[in-house]
Amino acid sequence: MRRNKVFAAGAAALALGLSLTACGTTDDKDSGSSGGGGGDAACDLKLAFFGPETGPAAGLGKPIIQGAQLAVDQYNEDADCEVELVKYDSQGSPDEAPSLATEVAGDESIIGVVGPAFSGESAAAGPIFAEGGVPTVTPSATNPTLADNGWDTFHRALGNDATQGPAAAKYIQDTLQSKGTFVIDDASEYGAGLAGIVEDTLGDTVVGTDTIQAGDTDFSATVTKVTDAKPDAVFFGGYYAEATILIGQLRNGGFDGTFVVADGVKDPAYLDAKDAAEGTIITCPCIPDTDPAVATFAADYEEEFGEAPGTYAAEAYDAASIFLAGIEDGIDNRADMLTFVNDYDEKGITKQLKFDDKGEPADVHVYAYTVKDGAIVPEGEIK
């Protein structure tokens, strides 16, 4: 079955036995049949997805959900005790996150969270998960300060913006050879933080900055500032909903330089900008689905969902696979799962999955993509 193709290449690279001979439950700790890594897969457990399933950022949430779901489905093919993936739809909003995080923390059957997906909601939910001892592995939240809050439950399966920001700036300087760059952010925790890093890295070559608001549709004031500054490149820190409108208005206003964005824009919906989007450079600490390391995963994903994997689908698969490996090893409680995740050091499909004492990944890569002929095409890793 498909699980033998991909799950074995990811979480089951642990060399844990794939045949389940007994089935523990969350209520039989005293019997010794489960818990604490006893070797028999635990039962009656759930993983949670935490992020946007609906709302303006649903396009970024969909591949994360599907990547995690694929890992769970493949695990369940051979499992005596199936794991359920439950979805907590935050719509990507920090305002929605606390109440949802409280719900997750109150359900002891949820042994791990794939997410939160965005940085703002991660900052809002993180203290609640930490207090409840809920292990989390985000496949997509990149604000560096998330790892500085002292939450022992926080883990990140990708490089943060302290690596992506300098990589984007390096591309602007070395590849584009921009003599003047205008930096725009969307005032979000993610966008403003990333734009600030790019601005600091570019230094004196920044010819202007501006801030827009998520949800706005009239960026004429920003367009005027950009055209007055005459930059070679514009960097935007934010999400695809605003980027799609912004690039159209910039092109209509006369900007003919290179538009550079980051992972929050790497969604097919950005291509709705059509000709205006052509030539956009997108940076992302996410592995291309054309990489040989994820070829089997990509084929399995397309078979199950009828489409190629989107941004952070593979990272979500890896995040879910860590938790599933722990469950397969008999872990049936959050405390033991947290220890398991903290000590995890195995090859996933996107990278070596290992975390430092702040929950940051030991293995980090940032890639460049180009919008070409109406598609987002990988260029390669930014060294």
Protein backbone atom coordinates (compact mmCIF):
# COMPACT_ATOMS: atom_id res chain seq x y z
CA MET A 1 0.00 0.00 0.00
CA ARG A 2 1.03 3.63 -0.23
CA ARG A 3 2.13 3.78 3.39
CA ASN A 4 5.03 1.50 2.64
CA LYS A 5 6.23 3.95 -0.01
CA VAL A 6 6.24 7.25 1.83
CA PHE A 7 5.68 6.79 5.53
CA ALA A 8 8.53 4.33 5.51
CA ALA A 9 10.70 7.01 3.95
CA GLY A 10 9.73 9.55 6.57
CA ALA A 11 8.61 8.78 10.09
CA ALA A 12 9.14 5.04 9.75
CA ALA A 13 12.77 5.71 8.95
CA LEU A 14 13.00 5.32 12.70
CA ALA A 15 13.13 1.59 11.94
CA LEU A 16 10.24 1.08 14.31
CA GLY A 17 8.33 -2.10 13.62
CA LEU A 18 5.43 -1.56 11.26
CA SER A 19 3.49 -4.62 12.37
CA LEU A 20 1.23 -3.88 15.33
CA THR A 21 0.73 -6.89 17.57
CA ALA A 22 -1.20 -5.30 20.40
CA CYS A 23 -3.43 -2.32 20.95
CA GLY A 24 -3.17 -0.17 24.08
CA THR A 25 -5.60 2.55 25.10
CA THR A 26 -5.29 5.81 26.94
CA ASP A 27 -6.93 4.15 29.93
CA ASP A 28 -4.67 1.13 30.40
CA LYS A 29 -1.43 2.70 31.56
CA ASP A 30 -1.36 0.53 34.67
CA SER A 31 -1.41 -2.64 32.58
CA GLY A 32 1.91 -1.72 30.98
CA SER A 33 0.55 -2.24 27.48
CA SER A 34 1.09 1.35 26.38
CA GLY A 35 2.69 4.65 27.30
CA GLY A 36 6.28 5.70 27.78
CA GLY A 37 7.43 4.22 24.48
CA GLY A 38 6.49 0.65 25.35
CA GLY A 39 6.46 -0.48 21.72
CA ASP A 40 2.73 -1.16 21.24
CA ALA A 41 0.84 1.52 19.35
CA ALA A 42 -1.55 3.51 21.50
CA CYS A 43 -5.26 3.88 20.76
CA ASP A 44 -7.98 6.52 21.00
CA LEU A 45 -5.59 9.32 20.11
CA LYS A 46 -5.90 12.34 17.84
CA LEU A 47 -3.66 14.81 16.09
CA ALA A 48 -4.92 18.33 15.46
CA PHE A 49 -4.43 20.68 12.57
CA PHE A 50 -4.50 24.29 13.77
CA GLY A 51 -4.74 26.97 11.10
CA PRO A 52 -6.93 28.36 8.31
CA GLU A 53 -9.37 25.95 6.75
CA THR A 54 -11.64 28.80 5.66
CA GLY A 55 -11.24 32.55 5.27
CA PRO A 56 -8.89 34.68 3.16
CA ALA A 57 -5.84 32.51 3.89
CA ALA A 58 -7.51 29.14 3.31
CA GLY A 59 -5.35 28.57 0.24
CA LEU A 60 -2.28 28.31 2.44
CA GLY A 61 -4.03 26.08 4.95
CA LYS A 62 -5.31 23.52 2.44
CA PRO A 63 -1.98 21.87 1.51
CA ILE A 64 -0.97 21.76 5.18
CA ILE A 65 -4.18 19.95 6.06
CA GLN A 66 -3.77 17.56 3.15
CA GLY A 67 -0.11 16.87 3.89
CA ALA A 68 -0.95 15.96 7.49
CA GLN A 69 -3.98 13.96 6.37
CA LEU A 70 -1.88 11.92 3.94
CA ALA A 71 0.51 10.95 6.74
CA VAL A 72 -2.40 9.94 8.98
CA ASP A 73 -4.16 8.00 6.22
CA GLN A 74 -1.02 6.07 5.35
CA TYR A 75 -0.40 5.29 9.02
CA ASN A 76 -3.97 4.07 9.46
CA GLU A 77 -3.73 1.64 6.54
CA ASP A 78 -1.76 -0.82 8.68
CA ALA A 79 -2.76 0.34 12.15
CA ASP A 80 -4.85 -1.74 14.55
CA CYS A 81 -5.78 1.50 16.27
CA GLU A 82 -6.45 4.38 13.91
CA VAL A 83 -5.41 7.96 14.63
CA GLU A 84 -7.86 10.77 13.86
CA LEU A 85 -6.87 14.15 12.44
CA VAL A 86 -9.16 16.86 13.80
CA LYS A 87 -9.19 20.36 12.33
CA TYR A 88 -9.33 23.62 14.29
CA ASP A 89 -10.12 26.37 11.81
CA SER A 90 -8.53 29.59 13.07
CA GLN A 91 -8.95 31.33 9.70
CA GLY A 92 -5.35 32.38 10.34
CA SER A 93 -6.53 34.96 12.88
CA PRO A 94 -4.75 35.70 16.17
CA ASP A 95 -8.14 36.73 17.55
CA GLU A 96 -9.61 33.27 16.98
CA ALA A 97 -6.56 31.38 18.22
CA PRO A 98 -6.85 31.58 22.05
CA SER A 99 -10.31 30.05 22.34
CA LEU A 100 -9.45 27.28 19.88
CA ALA A 101 -6.17 26.56 21.67
CA THR A 102 -8.10 26.27 24.93
CA GLU A 103 -10.36 23.68 23.27
CA VAL A 104 -7.35 21.70 22.07
CA ALA A 105 -5.68 21.81 25.48
CA GLY A 106 -8.88 20.58 27.11
CA ASP A 107 -9.08 17.45 24.93
CA GLU A 108 -6.54 15.03 26.40
CA SER A 109 -6.93 12.67 23.44
CA ILE A 110 -5.13 15.25 21.27
CA ILE A 111 -1.52 14.25 21.69
CA GLY A 112 0.06 16.71 19.24
CA VAL A 113 -0.69 19.67 16.99
CA VAL A 114 0.42 20.19 13.40
CA GLY A 115 0.56 23.98 13.52
CA PRO A 116 -0.35 26.65 14.25
CA ALA A 117 0.08 27.58 10.63
CA PHE A 118 0.73 31.34 10.93
CA SER A 119 2.99 33.39 13.15
CA GLY A 120 0.34 35.69 14.61
CA GLU A 121 -1.91 32.86 15.71
CA SER A 122 1.14 30.97 16.98
CA ALA A 123 2.00 33.87 19.26
CA ALA A 124 -1.58 33.98 20.56
CA ALA A 125 -1.98 30.22 21.06
CA GLY A 126 1.54 29.36 22.19
CA PRO A 127 1.16 30.22 25.89
CA ILE A 128 -2.01 28.10 26.12
CA PHE A 129 -0.37 25.11 24.48
CA ALA A 130 2.64 25.49 26.77
CA GLU A 131 0.48 25.62 29.88
CA GLY A 132 -1.47 22.56 28.71
CA GLY A 133 1.69 20.65 27.77
CA VAL A 134 0.49 20.21 24.18
CA PRO A 135 3.42 19.47 21.82
CA THR A 136 3.22 21.45 18.59
CA VAL A 137 5.20 21.27 15.35
CA THR A 138 4.46 24.11 12.96
CA PRO A 139 5.17 23.43 9.30
CA SER A 140 4.86 27.08 8.28
CA ALA A 141 5.06 29.76 11.01
CA THR A 142 8.36 31.59 10.49
CA ASN A 143 8.58 34.60 12.84
CA PRO A 144 11.90 34.13 14.71
CA THR A 145 10.61 35.45 18.04
CA LEU A 146 8.24 32.50 18.45
CA ALA A 147 11.20 30.42 19.61
CA ASP A 148 12.19 33.02 22.22
CA ASN A 149 9.13 32.72 24.44
CA GLY A 150 10.36 29.81 26.53
CA TRP A 151 7.57 27.47 25.38
CA ASP A 152 9.00 23.96 25.71
CA THR A 153 6.11 22.68 23.57
CA PHE A 154 7.06 24.75 20.50
CA HIS A 155 8.80 23.19 17.50
CA ARG A 156 9.29 24.38 13.93
CA ALA A 157 9.78 22.10 10.91
CA LEU A 158 11.29 24.80 8.67
CA GLY A 159 13.74 27.67 8.76
CA ASN A 160 12.54 30.91 10.33
CA ASP A 161 12.63 34.42 8.87
CA ALA A 162 16.05 35.05 10.37
CA THR A 163 17.23 32.67 7.63
CA GLN A 164 14.65 33.47 4.93
CA GLY A 165 15.01 37.26 5.25
CA PRO A 166 18.78 37.33 4.65
CA ALA A 167 18.36 34.79 1.82
CA ALA A 168 15.81 37.06 0.13
CA ALA A 169 18.12 40.04 0.59
CA LYS A 170 21.04 38.05 -0.81
CA TYR A 171 18.99 37.19 -3.90
CA ILE A 172 18.04 40.85 -4.35
CA GLN A 173 21.67 41.94 -4.01
CA ASP A 174 23.55 39.18 -5.83
CA THR A 175 21.14 37.80 -8.42
CA LEU A 176 19.00 40.83 -9.19
CA GLN A 177 21.88 43.23 -8.44
CA SER A 178 19.36 45.81 -7.29
CA LYS A 179 20.85 49.22 -6.57
CA GLY A 180 17.67 50.39 -4.87
CA THR A 181 14.92 48.36 -3.18
CA PHE A 182 11.60 49.51 -1.74
CA VAL A 183 10.33 47.44 1.22
CA ILE A 184 6.62 47.02 2.02
CA ASP A 185 4.95 45.04 4.81
CA ASP A 186 1.36 44.21 5.77
CA ALA A 187 1.66 45.04 9.51
CA SER A 188 1.22 41.36 10.48
CA GLU A 189 3.56 39.62 12.89
CA TYR A 190 4.89 37.59 9.98
CA GLY A 191 5.03 40.26 7.29
CA ALA A 192 6.41 43.12 9.37
CA GLY A 193 9.02 40.90 10.99
CA LEU A 194 10.23 39.51 7.69
CA ALA A 195 10.28 42.90 5.95
CA GLY A 196 12.26 44.34 8.85
CA ILE A 197 14.93 41.66 8.46
CA VAL A 198 15.18 42.27 4.71
CA GLU A 199 15.39 46.03 5.28
CA ASP A 200 18.15 45.67 7.88
CA THR A 201 20.11 43.28 5.66
CA LEU A 202 19.88 45.48 2.57
CA GLY A 203 20.94 48.55 4.53
CA ASP A 204 21.67 51.69 2.51
CA THR A 205 20.27 50.21 -0.72
CA VAL A 206 16.73 50.53 0.69
CA VAL A 207 15.22 53.59 -1.01
CA GLY A 208 11.93 53.62 0.85
CA THR A 209 9.50 51.69 3.06
CA ASP A 210 5.75 51.57 3.60
CA THR A 211 3.12 49.58 5.49
CA ILE A 212 -0.25 48.46 4.18
CA GLN A 213 -3.07 46.77 6.07
CA ALA A 214 -4.33 43.24 5.48
CA GLY A 215 -7.77 43.36 3.93
CA ASP A 216 -7.24 46.67 2.14
CA THR A 217 -7.66 46.85 -1.62
CA ASP A 218 -6.59 50.40 -2.50
CA PHE A 219 -2.81 50.74 -2.43
CA SER A 220 -2.57 53.90 -4.50
CA ALA A 221 -0.66 55.80 -1.81
CA THR A 222 1.94 53.05 -1.65
CA VAL A 223 2.17 52.90 -5.45
CA THR A 224 2.91 56.63 -5.55
CA LYS A 225 5.69 56.24 -2.98
CA VAL A 226 7.21 53.38 -4.96
CA THR A 227 7.12 55.13 -8.32
CA ASP A 228 8.57 58.29 -6.80
CA ALA A 229 11.47 56.27 -5.34
CA LYS A 230 12.21 54.55 -8.70
CA PRO A 231 13.50 51.27 -7.19
CA ASP A 232 14.93 48.36 -9.16
CA ALA A 233 13.05 45.93 -6.90
CA VAL A 234 10.16 45.92 -4.44
CA PHE A 235 10.12 43.45 -1.53
CA PHE A 236 6.75 42.69 0.06
CA GLY A 237 6.37 40.97 3.42
CA GLY A 238 2.82 39.65 3.66
CA TYR A 239 0.31 37.22 2.20
CA TYR A 240 -0.96 36.40 -1.26
CA ALA A 241 -4.37 38.10 -0.94
CA GLU A 242 -2.80 41.56 -0.71
CA ALA A 243 0.18 40.73 -2.95
CA THR A 244 -2.12 39.79 -5.82
CA ILE A 245 -3.78 43.21 -5.74
CA LEU A 246 -0.61 45.14 -4.93
CA ILE A 247 1.40 43.86 -7.88
CA GLY A 248 -1.42 44.71 -10.29
CA GLN A 249 -1.63 48.26 -8.99
CA LEU A 250 2.17 48.64 -9.01
CA ARG A 251 2.35 47.55 -12.66
CA ASN A 252 -0.53 49.84 -13.61
CA GLY A 253 1.23 52.67 -11.80
CA GLY A 254 4.39 52.26 -13.86
CA PHE A 255 6.64 50.06 -11.72
CA ASP A 256 8.60 47.81 -14.09
CA GLY A 257 11.18 46.38 -11.69
CA THR A 258 11.22 42.98 -9.97
CA PHE A 259 8.64 42.11 -7.35
CA VAL A 260 10.11 39.91 -4.59
CA VAL A 261 7.93 38.17 -2.03
CA ALA A 262 8.22 35.33 0.47
CA ASP A 263 6.45 32.13 1.43
CA GLY A 264 3.19 33.83 2.43
CA VAL A 265 2.61 34.56 -1.26
CA LYS A 266 3.52 31.10 -2.57
CA ASP A 267 -0.03 30.05 -3.37
CA PRO A 268 -1.71 29.38 -6.74
CA ALA A 269 -4.18 32.20 -6.01
CA TYR A 270 -1.34 34.69 -6.50
CA LEU A 271 -1.37 33.71 -10.18
CA ASP A 272 -4.76 35.43 -10.43
CA ALA A 273 -2.70 38.58 -11.00
CA LYS A 274 -1.93 37.07 -14.43
CA ASP A 275 0.61 39.07 -16.50
CA ALA A 276 1.34 41.41 -13.58
CA ALA A 277 2.67 38.46 -11.57
CA GLU A 278 5.10 37.32 -14.28
CA GLY A 279 8.71 37.49 -13.14
CA THR A 280 7.87 37.62 -9.44
CA ILE A 281 10.55 36.06 -7.26
CA ILE A 282 9.25 34.02 -4.32
CA THR A 283 11.51 32.83 -1.51
CA CYS A 284 10.47 29.94 0.71
CA PRO A 285 12.09 27.59 3.22
CA CYS A 286 9.96 24.86 1.62
CA ILE A 287 11.33 22.08 -0.54
CA PRO A 288 10.13 22.03 -4.19
CA ASP A 289 7.86 19.13 -5.05
CA THR A 290 10.18 18.44 -7.97
CA ASP A 291 13.05 17.58 -5.61
CA PRO A 292 13.93 13.86 -5.83
CA ALA A 293 13.68 13.62 -2.03
CA VAL A 294 9.94 14.24 -2.17
CA ALA A 295 9.12 12.52 -5.47
CA THR A 296 7.29 9.58 -3.89
CA PHE A 297 5.44 11.86 -1.50
CA ALA A 298 4.39 14.12 -4.36
CA ALA A 299 3.09 11.15 -6.37
CA ASP A 300 1.15 9.80 -3.40
CA TYR A 301 -0.26 13.24 -2.62
CA GLU A 302 -1.46 13.72 -6.18
CA GLU A 303 -3.01 10.26 -6.21
CA GLU A 304 -4.96 10.97 -3.02
CA PHE A 305 -5.99 14.57 -3.64
CA GLY A 306 -5.90 14.91 -7.41
CA GLU A 307 -3.40 17.78 -7.43
CA ALA A 308 0.28 18.46 -6.86
CA PRO A 309 1.28 19.28 -3.28
CA GLY A 310 1.12 22.96 -2.39
CA THR A 311 3.26 25.06 -0.10
CA TYR A 312 4.20 23.32 3.15
CA ALA A 313 2.32 20.11 2.35
CA ALA A 314 5.56 18.13 2.65
CA GLU A 315 6.56 19.93 5.85
CA ALA A 316 3.12 19.16 7.32
CA TYR A 317 3.58 15.52 6.35
CA ASP A 318 6.89 15.47 8.22
CA ALA A 319 5.37 17.19 11.26
CA ALA A 320 2.52 14.68 11.47
CA SER A 321 4.91 11.78 10.90
CA ILE A 322 6.92 12.69 13.99
CA PHE A 323 3.83 12.38 16.17
CA LEU A 324 2.73 9.19 14.40
CA ALA A 325 6.12 7.60 15.02
CA GLY A 326 5.68 8.35 18.72
CA ILE A 327 2.20 6.84 18.75
CA GLU A 328 3.48 3.78 16.94
CA ASP A 329 6.11 3.45 19.64
CA GLY A 330 3.40 3.25 22.30
CA ILE A 331 3.28 6.83 23.53
CA ASP A 332 -0.19 7.75 24.75
CA ASN A 333 0.25 10.98 26.71
CA ARG A 334 1.49 14.50 26.06
CA ALA A 335 4.40 14.47 28.49
CA ASP A 336 6.00 11.42 26.90
CA MET A 337 5.22 12.72 23.42
CA LEU A 338 6.96 16.01 24.23
CA THR A 339 10.07 14.12 25.30
CA PHE A 340 9.89 12.03 22.13
CA VAL A 341 9.63 15.11 19.89
CA ASN A 342 12.40 16.93 21.75
CA ASP A 343 14.73 13.96 21.26
CA TYR A 344 13.67 13.20 17.67
CA ASP A 345 16.53 12.92 15.18
CA GLU A 346 15.52 11.10 12.02
CA LYS A 347 15.48 11.80 8.31
CA GLY A 348 12.16 13.10 7.05
CA ILE A 349 11.22 13.73 3.45
CA THR A 350 12.11 17.45 3.57
CA LYS A 351 15.17 17.41 5.81
CA GLN A 352 16.80 15.82 8.83
CA LEU A 353 14.18 16.33 11.52
CA LYS A 354 15.90 17.41 14.69
CA PHE A 355 15.19 20.35 17.02
CA ASP A 356 17.44 22.47 19.19
CA ASP A 357 16.54 23.43 22.75
CA LYS A 358 14.33 26.29 21.45
CA GLY A 359 12.44 24.06 19.02
CA GLU A 360 14.22 25.32 15.91
CA PRO A 361 15.21 22.84 13.18
CA ALA A 362 18.83 21.85 12.85
CA ASP A 363 18.57 21.55 9.07
CA VAL A 364 17.52 24.70 7.17
CA HIS A 365 17.25 25.45 3.44
CA VAL A 366 15.75 28.41 1.57
CA TYR A 367 14.68 28.15 -2.06
CA ALA A 368 13.89 30.65 -4.81
CA TYR A 369 10.90 30.30 -7.13
CA THR A 370 9.92 32.36 -10.19
CA VAL A 371 6.50 33.04 -11.68
CA LYS A 372 7.01 32.01 -15.28
CA ASP A 373 4.37 31.44 -17.96
CA GLY A 374 1.63 31.51 -15.36
CA ALA A 375 3.21 28.96 -13.02
CA ILE A 376 5.37 29.03 -9.89
CA VAL A 377 8.62 27.39 -10.99
CA PRO A 378 11.48 26.41 -8.66
CA GLU A 379 14.88 27.99 -9.39
CA GLY A 380 16.92 26.24 -6.75
CA GLU A 381 18.34 26.71 -3.29
CA ILE A 382 19.67 30.12 -2.26
CA LYS A 383 23.08 29.27 -0.85
